[in-house]
PDB file of all heavy atoms in Angstrom:
ATOM      1  N   LEU A   1     -43.873 -86.218 168.954  1.00  0.00           N
ATOM      2  CA  LEU A   1     -43.461 -84.969 168.309  1.00  0.00           C
ATOM      3  C   LEU A   1     -44.491 -83.869 168.567  1.00  0.00           C
ATOM      4  O   LEU A   1     -44.128 -82.719 168.861  1.00  0.00           O
ATOM      5  CB  LEU A   1     -43.290 -85.192 166.805  1.00  0.00           C
ATOM      6  CG  LEU A   1     -42.888 -83.965 165.979  1.00  0.00           C
ATOM      7  CD1 LEU A   1     -41.551 -83.399 166.460  1.00  0.00           C
ATOM      8  CD2 LEU A   1     -42.817 -84.327 164.490  1.00  0.00           C
ATOM      9  N   MET A   2     -45.775 -84.221 168.478  1.00  0.00           N
ATOM     10  CA  MET A   2     -46.839 -83.244 168.769  1.00  0.00           C
ATOM     11  C   MET A   2     -46.781 -82.796 170.221  1.00  0.00           C
ATOM     12  O   MET A   2     -46.914 -81.595 170.518  1.00  0.00           O
ATOM     13  CB  MET A   2     -48.207 -83.858 168.462  1.00  0.00           C
ATOM     14  CG  MET A   2     -48.461 -84.122 166.993  1.00  0.00           C
ATOM     15  SD  MET A   2     -49.991 -85.044 166.724  1.00  0.00           S
ATOM     16  CE  MET A   2     -49.937 -85.308 164.939  1.00  0.00           C
ATOM     17  N   ASP A   3     -46.583 -83.741 171.137  1.00  0.00           N
ATOM     18  CA  ASP A   3     -46.483 -83.394 172.561  1.00  0.00           C
ATOM     19  C   ASP A   3     -45.268 -82.507 172.824  1.00  0.00           C
ATOM     20  O   ASP A   3     -45.334 -81.573 173.626  1.00  0.00           O
ATOM     21  CB  ASP A   3     -46.387 -84.667 173.407  1.00  0.00           C
ATOM     22  CG  ASP A   3     -47.735 -85.326 173.625  1.00  0.00           C
ATOM     23  OD1 ASP A   3     -48.757 -84.627 173.524  1.00  0.00           O
ATOM     24  OD2 ASP A   3     -47.776 -86.542 173.887  1.00  0.00           O
ATOM     25  N   LEU A   4     -44.171 -82.824 172.159  1.00  0.00           N
ATOM     26  CA  LEU A   4     -42.946 -82.040 172.319  1.00  0.00           C
ATOM     27  C   LEU A   4     -43.158 -80.591 171.875  1.00  0.00           C
ATOM     28  O   LEU A   4     -42.777 -79.644 172.571  1.00  0.00           O
ATOM     29  CB  LEU A   4     -41.823 -82.688 171.506  1.00  0.00           C
ATOM     30  CG  LEU A   4     -40.435 -82.068 171.608  1.00  0.00           C
ATOM     31  CD1 LEU A   4     -39.907 -82.148 173.032  1.00  0.00           C
ATOM     32  CD2 LEU A   4     -39.477 -82.787 170.655  1.00  0.00           C
ATOM     33  N   MET A   5     -43.802 -80.421 170.730  1.00  0.00           N
ATOM     34  CA  MET A   5     -44.077 -79.078 170.223  1.00  0.00           C
ATOM     35  C   MET A   5     -45.103 -78.356 171.093  1.00  0.00           C
ATOM     36  O   MET A   5     -44.994 -77.153 171.335  1.00  0.00           O
ATOM     37  CB  MET A   5     -44.567 -79.155 168.778  1.00  0.00           C
ATOM     38  CG  MET A   5     -43.518 -79.668 167.807  1.00  0.00           C
ATOM     39  SD  MET A   5     -44.168 -79.861 166.124  1.00  0.00           S
ATOM     40  CE  MET A   5     -44.520 -78.159 165.693  1.00  0.00           C
ATOM     41  N   LEU A   6     -46.096 -79.115 171.581  1.00  0.00           N
ATOM     42  CA  LEU A   6     -47.149 -78.510 172.408  1.00  0.00           C
ATOM     43  C   LEU A   6     -46.582 -77.966 173.714  1.00  0.00           C
ATOM     44  O   LEU A   6     -46.899 -76.846 174.126  1.00  0.00           O
ATOM     45  CB  LEU A   6     -48.243 -79.544 172.694  1.00  0.00           C
ATOM     46  CG  LEU A   6     -49.431 -79.078 173.541  1.00  0.00           C
ATOM     47  CD1 LEU A   6     -50.177 -77.943 172.850  1.00  0.00           C
ATOM     48  CD2 LEU A   6     -50.385 -80.236 173.824  1.00  0.00           C
ATOM     49  N   VAL A   7     -45.746 -78.744 174.359  1.00  0.00           N
ATOM     50  CA  VAL A   7     -45.212 -78.327 175.655  1.00  0.00           C
ATOM     51  C   VAL A   7     -44.229 -77.164 175.495  1.00  0.00           C
ATOM     52  O   VAL A   7     -44.027 -76.377 176.428  1.00  0.00           O
ATOM     53  CB  VAL A   7     -44.552 -79.533 176.367  1.00  0.00           C
ATOM     54  CG1 VAL A   7     -43.156 -79.806 175.846  1.00  0.00           C
ATOM     55  CG2 VAL A   7     -44.503 -79.336 177.876  1.00  0.00           C
ATOM     56  N   CYS A   8     -43.616 -77.044 174.295  1.00  0.00           N
ATOM     57  CA  CYS A   8     -42.680 -75.944 174.045  1.00  0.00           C
ATOM     58  C   CYS A   8     -43.383 -74.685 173.532  1.00  0.00           C
ATOM     59  O   CYS A   8     -42.740 -73.635 173.428  1.00  0.00           O
ATOM     60  CB  CYS A   8     -41.624 -76.376 173.031  1.00  0.00           C
ATOM     61  SG  CYS A   8     -40.471 -77.611 173.662  1.00  0.00           S
ATOM     62  N   THR A   9     -44.659 -74.786 173.233  1.00  0.00           N
ATOM     63  CA  THR A   9     -45.392 -73.631 172.708  1.00  0.00           C
ATOM     64  C   THR A   9     -45.719 -72.617 173.797  1.00  0.00           C
ATOM     65  O   THR A   9     -45.639 -71.401 173.579  1.00  0.00           O
ATOM     66  CB  THR A   9     -46.697 -74.098 172.027  1.00  0.00           C
ATOM     67  OG1 THR A   9     -46.372 -74.938 170.914  1.00  0.00           O
ATOM     68  CG2 THR A   9     -47.515 -72.913 171.522  1.00  0.00           C
ATOM     69  N   ASN A  10     -46.081 -73.099 174.989  1.00  0.00           N
ATOM     70  CA  ASN A  10     -46.582 -72.209 176.030  1.00  0.00           C
ATOM     71  C   ASN A  10     -45.711 -72.113 177.275  1.00  0.00           C
ATOM     72  O   ASN A  10     -45.581 -71.036 177.867  1.00  0.00           O
ATOM     73  CB  ASN A  10     -47.986 -72.665 176.461  1.00  0.00           C
ATOM     74  CG  ASN A  10     -48.955 -72.715 175.303  1.00  0.00           C
ATOM     75  OD1 ASN A  10     -48.870 -71.910 174.385  1.00  0.00           O
ATOM     76  ND2 ASN A  10     -49.884 -73.656 175.334  1.00  0.00           N
ATOM     77  N   VAL A  11     -45.114 -73.229 177.690  1.00  0.00           N
ATOM     78  CA  VAL A  11     -44.425 -73.264 178.981  1.00  0.00           C
ATOM     79  C   VAL A  11     -43.184 -72.368 179.030  1.00  0.00           C
ATOM     80  O   VAL A  11     -42.996 -71.650 180.022  1.00  0.00           O
ATOM     81  CB  VAL A  11     -44.077 -74.715 179.378  1.00  0.00           C
ATOM     82  CG1 VAL A  11     -43.336 -74.737 180.710  1.00  0.00           C
ATOM     83  CG2 VAL A  11     -45.343 -75.551 179.476  1.00  0.00           C
ATOM     84  N   PRO A  12     -42.298 -72.377 178.019  1.00  0.00           N
ATOM     85  CA  PRO A  12     -41.121 -71.500 178.113  1.00  0.00           C
ATOM     86  C   PRO A  12     -41.469 -70.025 178.277  1.00  0.00           C
ATOM     87  O   PRO A  12     -40.825 -69.316 179.068  1.00  0.00           O
ATOM     88  CB  PRO A  12     -40.393 -71.762 176.782  1.00  0.00           C
ATOM     89  CG  PRO A  12     -40.802 -73.143 176.400  1.00  0.00           C
ATOM     90  CD  PRO A  12     -42.228 -73.248 176.833  1.00  0.00           C
ATOM     91  N   LYS A  13     -42.488 -69.558 177.569  1.00  0.00           N
ATOM     92  CA  LYS A  13     -42.894 -68.160 177.693  1.00  0.00           C
ATOM     93  C   LYS A  13     -43.476 -67.893 179.075  1.00  0.00           C
ATOM     94  O   LYS A  13     -43.193 -66.848 179.684  1.00  0.00           O
ATOM     95  CB  LYS A  13     -43.929 -67.818 176.615  1.00  0.00           C
ATOM     96  CG  LYS A  13     -44.437 -66.374 176.664  1.00  0.00           C
ATOM     97  CD  LYS A  13     -43.329 -65.368 176.462  1.00  0.00           C
ATOM     98  CE  LYS A  13     -43.857 -63.954 176.453  1.00  0.00           C
ATOM     99  NZ  LYS A  13     -42.759 -62.945 176.381  1.00  0.00           N
ATOM    100  N   MET A  14     -44.268 -68.829 179.587  1.00  0.00           N
ATOM    101  CA  MET A  14     -44.834 -68.682 180.926  1.00  0.00           C
ATOM    102  C   MET A  14     -43.713 -68.604 181.967  1.00  0.00           C
ATOM    103  O   MET A  14     -43.728 -67.752 182.863  1.00  0.00           O
ATOM    104  CB  MET A  14     -45.753 -69.860 181.250  1.00  0.00           C
ATOM    105  CG  MET A  14     -46.339 -69.838 182.650  1.00  0.00           C
ATOM    106  SD  MET A  14     -46.995 -71.425 183.196  1.00  0.00           S
ATOM    107  CE  MET A  14     -45.473 -72.341 183.477  1.00  0.00           C
ATOM    108  N   ALA A  15     -42.714 -69.490 181.841  1.00  0.00           N
ATOM    109  CA  ALA A  15     -41.601 -69.509 182.794  1.00  0.00           C
ATOM    110  C   ALA A  15     -40.763 -68.232 182.693  1.00  0.00           C
ATOM    111  O   ALA A  15     -40.357 -67.666 183.712  1.00  0.00           O
ATOM    112  CB  ALA A  15     -40.725 -70.735 182.531  1.00  0.00           C
ATOM    113  N   ALA A  16     -40.527 -67.780 181.463  1.00  0.00           N
ATOM    114  CA  ALA A  16     -39.734 -66.554 181.274  1.00  0.00           C
ATOM    115  C   ALA A  16     -40.431 -65.346 181.894  1.00  0.00           C
ATOM    116  O   ALA A  16     -39.800 -64.509 182.544  1.00  0.00           O
ATOM    117  CB  ALA A  16     -39.488 -66.327 179.785  1.00  0.00           C
ATOM    118  N   ASN A  17     -41.746 -65.257 181.701  1.00  0.00           N
ATOM    119  CA  ASN A  17     -42.501 -64.140 182.283  1.00  0.00           C
ATOM    120  C   ASN A  17     -42.479 -64.190 183.810  1.00  0.00           C
ATOM    121  O   ASN A  17     -42.345 -63.163 184.476  1.00  0.00           O
ATOM    122  CB  ASN A  17     -43.948 -64.166 181.787  1.00  0.00           C
ATOM    123  CG  ASN A  17     -44.085 -63.646 180.364  1.00  0.00           C
ATOM    124  OD1 ASN A  17     -43.110 -63.238 179.746  1.00  0.00           O
ATOM    125  ND2 ASN A  17     -45.293 -63.665 179.841  1.00  0.00           N
ATOM    126  N   PHE A  18     -42.609 -65.387 184.358  1.00  0.00           N
ATOM    127  CA  PHE A  18     -42.628 -65.531 185.817  1.00  0.00           C
ATOM    128  C   PHE A  18     -41.281 -65.155 186.417  1.00  0.00           C
ATOM    129  O   PHE A  18     -41.209 -64.432 187.421  1.00  0.00           O
ATOM    130  CB  PHE A  18     -42.990 -66.972 186.183  1.00  0.00           C
ATOM    131  CG  PHE A  18     -43.036 -67.229 187.663  1.00  0.00           C
ATOM    132  CD1 PHE A  18     -44.171 -66.921 188.396  1.00  0.00           C
ATOM    133  CD2 PHE A  18     -41.940 -67.770 188.323  1.00  0.00           C
ATOM    134  CE1 PHE A  18     -44.211 -67.147 189.772  1.00  0.00           C
ATOM    135  CE2 PHE A  18     -41.972 -68.008 189.691  1.00  0.00           C
ATOM    136  CZ  PHE A  18     -43.110 -67.687 190.412  1.00  0.00           C
ATOM    137  N   LEU A  19     -40.197 -65.621 185.806  1.00  0.00           N
ATOM    138  CA  LEU A  19     -38.862 -65.384 186.358  1.00  0.00           C
ATOM    139  C   LEU A  19     -38.401 -63.944 186.159  1.00  0.00           C
ATOM    140  O   LEU A  19     -37.687 -63.393 187.003  1.00  0.00           O
ATOM    141  CB  LEU A  19     -37.863 -66.344 185.715  1.00  0.00           C
ATOM    142  CG  LEU A  19     -38.061 -67.827 186.042  1.00  0.00           C
ATOM    143  CD1 LEU A  19     -37.114 -68.690 185.228  1.00  0.00           C
ATOM    144  CD2 LEU A  19     -37.875 -68.098 187.532  1.00  0.00           C
ATOM    145  N   SER A  20     -38.804 -63.335 185.048  1.00  0.00           N
ATOM    146  CA  SER A  20     -38.372 -61.971 184.758  1.00  0.00           C
ATOM    147  C   SER A  20     -39.270 -60.908 185.381  1.00  0.00           C
ATOM    148  O   SER A  20     -38.870 -59.748 185.517  1.00  0.00           O
ATOM    149  CB  SER A  20     -38.302 -61.746 183.246  1.00  0.00           C
ATOM    150  OG  SER A  20     -39.606 -61.797 182.673  1.00  0.00           O
ATOM    151  N   GLY A  21     -40.488 -61.305 185.746  1.00  0.00           N
ATOM    152  CA  GLY A  21     -41.442 -60.339 186.275  1.00  0.00           C
ATOM    153  C   GLY A  21     -42.223 -59.618 185.196  1.00  0.00           C
ATOM    154  O   GLY A  21     -43.168 -58.878 185.485  1.00  0.00           O
ATOM    155  N   ARG A  22     -41.834 -59.822 183.943  1.00  0.00           N
ATOM    156  CA  ARG A  22     -42.586 -59.242 182.825  1.00  0.00           C
ATOM    157  C   ARG A  22     -43.730 -60.169 182.448  1.00  0.00           C
ATOM    158  O   ARG A  22     -43.598 -61.390 182.496  1.00  0.00           O
ATOM    159  CB  ARG A  22     -41.674 -59.047 181.610  1.00  0.00           C
ATOM    160  CG  ARG A  22     -40.544 -58.051 181.838  1.00  0.00           C
ATOM    161  CD  ARG A  22     -39.734 -57.910 180.564  1.00  0.00           C
ATOM    162  NE  ARG A  22     -40.576 -57.467 179.453  1.00  0.00           N
ATOM    163  CZ  ARG A  22     -40.191 -57.515 178.178  1.00  0.00           C
ATOM    164  NH1 ARG A  22     -39.008 -58.014 177.861  1.00  0.00           N
ATOM    165  NH2 ARG A  22     -40.996 -57.082 177.231  1.00  0.00           N
ATOM    166  N   LYS A  23     -44.840 -59.614 182.066  1.00  0.00           N
ATOM    167  CA  LYS A  23     -46.001 -60.430 181.718  1.00  0.00           C
ATOM    168  C   LYS A  23     -46.485 -60.175 180.296  1.00  0.00           C
ATOM    169  O   LYS A  23     -47.573 -60.599 179.924  1.00  0.00           O
ATOM    170  CB  LYS A  23     -47.148 -60.152 182.696  1.00  0.00           C
ATOM    171  CG  LYS A  23     -46.829 -60.550 184.134  1.00  0.00           C
ATOM    172  CD  LYS A  23     -48.036 -60.389 185.029  1.00  0.00           C
ATOM    173  CE  LYS A  23     -47.735 -60.852 186.444  1.00  0.00           C
ATOM    174  NZ  LYS A  23     -48.919 -60.765 187.336  1.00  0.00           N
ATOM    175  N   SER A  24     -45.690 -59.513 179.505  1.00  0.00           N
ATOM    176  CA  SER A  24     -46.142 -59.124 178.173  1.00  0.00           C
ATOM    177  C   SER A  24     -45.814 -60.187 177.136  1.00  0.00           C
ATOM    178  O   SER A  24     -44.908 -60.999 177.304  1.00  0.00           O
ATOM    179  CB  SER A  24     -45.486 -57.802 177.768  1.00  0.00           C
ATOM    180  OG  SER A  24     -44.082 -57.952 177.702  1.00  0.00           O
ATOM    181  N   ILE A  25     -46.591 -60.164 176.061  1.00  0.00           N
ATOM    182  CA  ILE A  25     -46.332 -60.980 174.878  1.00  0.00           C
ATOM    183  C   ILE A  25     -46.727 -60.143 173.670  1.00  0.00           C
ATOM    184  O   ILE A  25     -47.738 -59.432 173.702  1.00  0.00           O
ATOM    185  CB  ILE A  25     -47.110 -62.315 174.908  1.00  0.00           C
ATOM    186  CG1 ILE A  25     -46.742 -63.174 173.688  1.00  0.00           C
ATOM    187  CG2 ILE A  25     -48.607 -62.102 174.986  1.00  0.00           C
ATOM    188  CD1 ILE A  25     -47.296 -64.587 173.757  1.00  0.00           C
ATOM    189  N   SER A  26     -45.938 -60.181 172.633  1.00  0.00           N
ATOM    190  CA  SER A  26     -46.209 -59.355 171.462  1.00  0.00           C
ATOM    191  C   SER A  26     -47.465 -59.836 170.741  1.00  0.00           C
ATOM    192  O   SER A  26     -47.910 -60.978 170.922  1.00  0.00           O
ATOM    193  CB  SER A  26     -45.020 -59.384 170.508  1.00  0.00           C
ATOM    194  OG  SER A  26     -44.878 -60.684 169.939  1.00  0.00           O
ATOM    195  N   PHE A  27     -48.016 -58.955 169.913  1.00  0.00           N
ATOM    196  CA  PHE A  27     -49.213 -59.303 169.148  1.00  0.00           C
ATOM    197  C   PHE A  27     -48.936 -60.495 168.234  1.00  0.00           C
ATOM    198  O   PHE A  27     -49.730 -61.440 168.167  1.00  0.00           O
ATOM    199  CB  PHE A  27     -49.656 -58.093 168.320  1.00  0.00           C
ATOM    200  CG  PHE A  27     -50.923 -58.311 167.552  1.00  0.00           C
ATOM    201  CD1 PHE A  27     -52.160 -58.103 168.140  1.00  0.00           C
ATOM    202  CD2 PHE A  27     -50.892 -58.713 166.226  1.00  0.00           C
ATOM    203  CE1 PHE A  27     -53.335 -58.319 167.433  1.00  0.00           C
ATOM    204  CE2 PHE A  27     -52.061 -58.925 165.513  1.00  0.00           C
ATOM    205  CZ  PHE A  27     -53.283 -58.719 166.115  1.00  0.00           C
ATOM    206  N   VAL A  28     -47.796 -60.464 167.538  1.00  0.00           N
ATOM    207  CA  VAL A  28     -47.438 -61.566 166.636  1.00  0.00           C
ATOM    208  C   VAL A  28     -47.180 -62.843 167.431  1.00  0.00           C
ATOM    209  O   VAL A  28     -47.614 -63.936 167.042  1.00  0.00           O
ATOM    210  CB  VAL A  28     -46.200 -61.191 165.789  1.00  0.00           C
ATOM    211  CG1 VAL A  28     -45.739 -62.392 164.964  1.00  0.00           C
ATOM    212  CG2 VAL A  28     -46.518 -60.016 164.886  1.00  0.00           C
ATOM    213  N   GLY A  29     -46.491 -62.712 168.574  1.00  0.00           N
ATOM    214  CA  GLY A  29     -46.239 -63.876 169.415  1.00  0.00           C
ATOM    215  C   GLY A  29     -47.521 -64.507 169.920  1.00  0.00           C
ATOM    216  O   GLY A  29     -47.635 -65.735 169.989  1.00  0.00           O
ATOM    217  N   CYS A  30     -48.489 -63.672 170.253  1.00  0.00           N
ATOM    218  CA  CYS A  30     -49.784 -64.167 170.706  1.00  0.00           C
ATOM    219  C   CYS A  30     -50.476 -64.941 169.585  1.00  0.00           C
ATOM    220  O   CYS A  30     -51.030 -66.017 169.802  1.00  0.00           O
ATOM    221  CB  CYS A  30     -50.647 -62.990 171.166  1.00  0.00           C
ATOM    222  SG  CYS A  30     -52.167 -63.469 171.994  1.00  0.00           S
ATOM    223  N   GLY A  31     -50.430 -64.386 168.372  1.00  0.00           N
ATOM    224  CA  GLY A  31     -51.037 -65.067 167.234  1.00  0.00           C
ATOM    225  C   GLY A  31     -50.388 -66.408 166.956  1.00  0.00           C
ATOM    226  O   GLY A  31     -51.067 -67.402 166.666  1.00  0.00           O
ATOM    227  N   LEU A  32     -49.060 -66.465 167.060  1.00  0.00           N
ATOM    228  CA  LEU A  32     -48.349 -67.720 166.831  1.00  0.00           C
ATOM    229  C   LEU A  32     -48.699 -68.762 167.886  1.00  0.00           C
ATOM    230  O   LEU A  32     -48.840 -69.947 167.574  1.00  0.00           O
ATOM    231  CB  LEU A  32     -46.836 -67.467 166.817  1.00  0.00           C
ATOM    232  CG  LEU A  32     -46.296 -66.695 165.608  1.00  0.00           C
ATOM    233  CD1 LEU A  32     -44.817 -66.399 165.778  1.00  0.00           C
ATOM    234  CD2 LEU A  32     -46.544 -67.471 164.321  1.00  0.00           C
ATOM    235  N   GLN A  33     -48.845 -68.323 169.138  1.00  0.00           N
ATOM    236  CA  GLN A  33     -49.245 -69.259 170.189  1.00  0.00           C
ATOM    237  C   GLN A  33     -50.610 -69.860 169.894  1.00  0.00           C
ATOM    238  O   GLN A  33     -50.818 -71.067 170.037  1.00  0.00           O
ATOM    239  CB  GLN A  33     -49.275 -68.552 171.550  1.00  0.00           C
ATOM    240  CG  GLN A  33     -47.969 -68.586 172.297  1.00  0.00           C
ATOM    241  CD  GLN A  33     -48.138 -68.266 173.778  1.00  0.00           C
ATOM    242  OE1 GLN A  33     -49.172 -67.770 174.227  1.00  0.00           O
ATOM    243  NE2 GLN A  33     -47.119 -68.560 174.559  1.00  0.00           N
ATOM    244  N   ILE A  34     -51.554 -69.020 169.481  1.00  0.00           N
ATOM    245  CA  ILE A  34     -52.897 -69.507 169.166  1.00  0.00           C
ATOM    246  C   ILE A  34     -52.843 -70.508 168.017  1.00  0.00           C
ATOM    247  O   ILE A  34     -53.422 -71.598 168.085  1.00  0.00           O
ATOM    248  CB  ILE A  34     -53.836 -68.339 168.823  1.00  0.00           C
ATOM    249  CG1 ILE A  34     -54.135 -67.502 170.057  1.00  0.00           C
ATOM    250  CG2 ILE A  34     -55.145 -68.847 168.208  1.00  0.00           C
ATOM    251  CD1 ILE A  34     -54.934 -66.253 169.788  1.00  0.00           C
ATOM    252  N   GLY A  35     -52.147 -70.136 166.934  1.00  0.00           N
ATOM    253  CA  GLY A  35     -52.075 -71.006 165.769  1.00  0.00           C
ATOM    254  C   GLY A  35     -51.444 -72.348 166.081  1.00  0.00           C
ATOM    255  O   GLY A  35     -51.966 -73.403 165.706  1.00  0.00           O
ATOM    256  N   LEU A  36     -50.299 -72.328 166.777  1.00  0.00           N
ATOM    257  CA  LEU A  36     -49.612 -73.568 167.110  1.00  0.00           C
ATOM    258  C   LEU A  36     -50.424 -74.427 168.067  1.00  0.00           C
ATOM    259  O   LEU A  36     -50.514 -75.654 167.904  1.00  0.00           O
ATOM    260  CB  LEU A  36     -48.243 -73.253 167.722  1.00  0.00           C
ATOM    261  CG  LEU A  36     -47.160 -72.778 166.748  1.00  0.00           C
ATOM    262  CD1 LEU A  36     -45.942 -72.277 167.507  1.00  0.00           C
ATOM    263  CD2 LEU A  36     -46.767 -73.904 165.799  1.00  0.00           C
TER     264      LEU A  36
END
């Protein structure tokens, strides 16, 4: 369960940024990534 949550914390956002060409993340989103 921890591994499942860990891999879903960072990879989807990384993939979305790469495919869309956008590299931004919101301030709140950044904080949530750090906390998780």
